[in-house]
Structure formats: C-alpha cells, structure tokens
C-alpha cells in the first residue's frame, strides 16, 4: 500500500473539527462554560493558523 503525501490543509481542517467537537463535549459535561470557550477559541485558531503556515512553508527535500 502506497502512502499518500501529507496535506497540511486537511490536517488543519481536521484539527479545527476536533477542537469544535471537544468544545461541545466540555460544555455538555459542564467542564467549561460557553464564556470560557469564547476566550479560548481565538487562541486555538491562531495556533492552528501558525501551524498551518509552518507546514506550508516547510521545505521539502
């Protein structure tokens, strides 16, 4: 079986989907309030964006 090349955009989209699902689980389990997530969401999005940029500009050899 051949391994396909890594796609950073799919990785970032999957990580974003995972964060949204985790946030919903935290609110449902009363581990965090929606207000707490409103302050954490921008930080998570910024980190995902930086990670996506780093993967995009990574040199391939």
Protein backbone atom coordinates (compact mmCIF):
# COMPACT_ATOMS: atom_id res chain seq x y z
CA UNK A 1 0.00 0.00 0.00
CA UNK A 2 1.43 3.38 -1.01
CA UNK A 3 1.44 6.22 1.47
CA UNK A 4 -0.01 9.46 0.18
CA UNK A 5 1.79 12.78 0.78
CA UNK A 6 0.91 14.83 3.85
CA UNK A 7 -1.67 17.54 3.17
CA UNK A 8 -1.36 20.38 5.72
CA UNK A 9 -4.72 21.95 4.84
CA UNK A 10 -6.58 18.72 5.56
CA UNK A 11 -4.67 18.42 8.81
CA UNK A 12 -5.63 21.95 9.91
CA UNK A 13 -9.28 21.38 8.94
CA UNK A 14 -9.34 18.11 10.88
CA UNK A 15 -7.76 19.74 13.93
CA UNK A 16 -10.35 22.54 13.79
CA UNK A 17 -13.16 19.98 13.61
CA UNK A 18 -11.65 18.14 16.58
CA UNK A 19 -11.46 21.37 18.62
CA UNK A 20 -15.11 22.18 17.89
CA UNK A 21 -16.17 18.67 18.93
CA UNK A 22 -14.08 18.85 22.12
CA UNK A 23 -15.55 22.26 22.99
CA UNK A 24 -19.07 20.87 22.63
CA UNK A 25 -18.17 17.92 24.86
CA UNK A 26 -16.69 20.21 27.52
CA UNK A 27 -19.81 22.38 27.62
CA UNK A 28 -22.13 19.36 27.70
CA UNK A 29 -20.16 17.78 30.57
CA UNK A 30 -20.16 21.12 32.47
CA UNK A 31 -16.36 21.22 32.49
CA UNK A 32 -16.31 24.66 30.88
CA UNK A 33 -18.82 27.42 30.30
CA UNK A 34 -19.50 28.89 26.87
CA UNK A 35 -17.92 32.12 28.10
CA UNK A 36 -14.66 30.29 28.84
CA UNK A 37 -14.66 28.88 25.33
CA UNK A 38 -15.17 32.34 23.85
CA UNK A 39 -11.84 33.36 25.31
CA UNK A 40 -10.04 30.11 24.37
CA UNK A 41 -11.34 29.85 20.78
CA UNK A 42 -9.28 32.72 19.29
CA UNK A 43 -6.10 31.35 20.85
CA UNK A 44 -6.76 27.90 19.38
CA UNK A 45 -7.50 29.36 15.94
CA UNK A 46 -4.32 31.44 15.99
CA UNK A 47 -2.24 28.38 16.95
CA UNK A 48 -3.85 26.33 14.17
CA UNK A 49 -3.12 29.12 11.69
CA UNK A 50 0.51 29.36 12.73
CA UNK A 51 0.81 25.58 12.48
CA UNK A 52 -0.72 25.64 9.01
CA UNK A 53 1.66 28.34 7.87
CA UNK A 54 4.63 26.46 9.29
CA UNK A 55 3.59 23.31 7.43
CA UNK A 56 3.02 25.26 4.23
CA UNK A 57 6.42 26.92 4.20
CA UNK A 58 8.29 23.82 5.34
CA UNK A 59 11.00 22.87 2.87
CA UNK A 60 10.71 19.51 1.20
CA UNK A 61 13.88 17.67 0.31
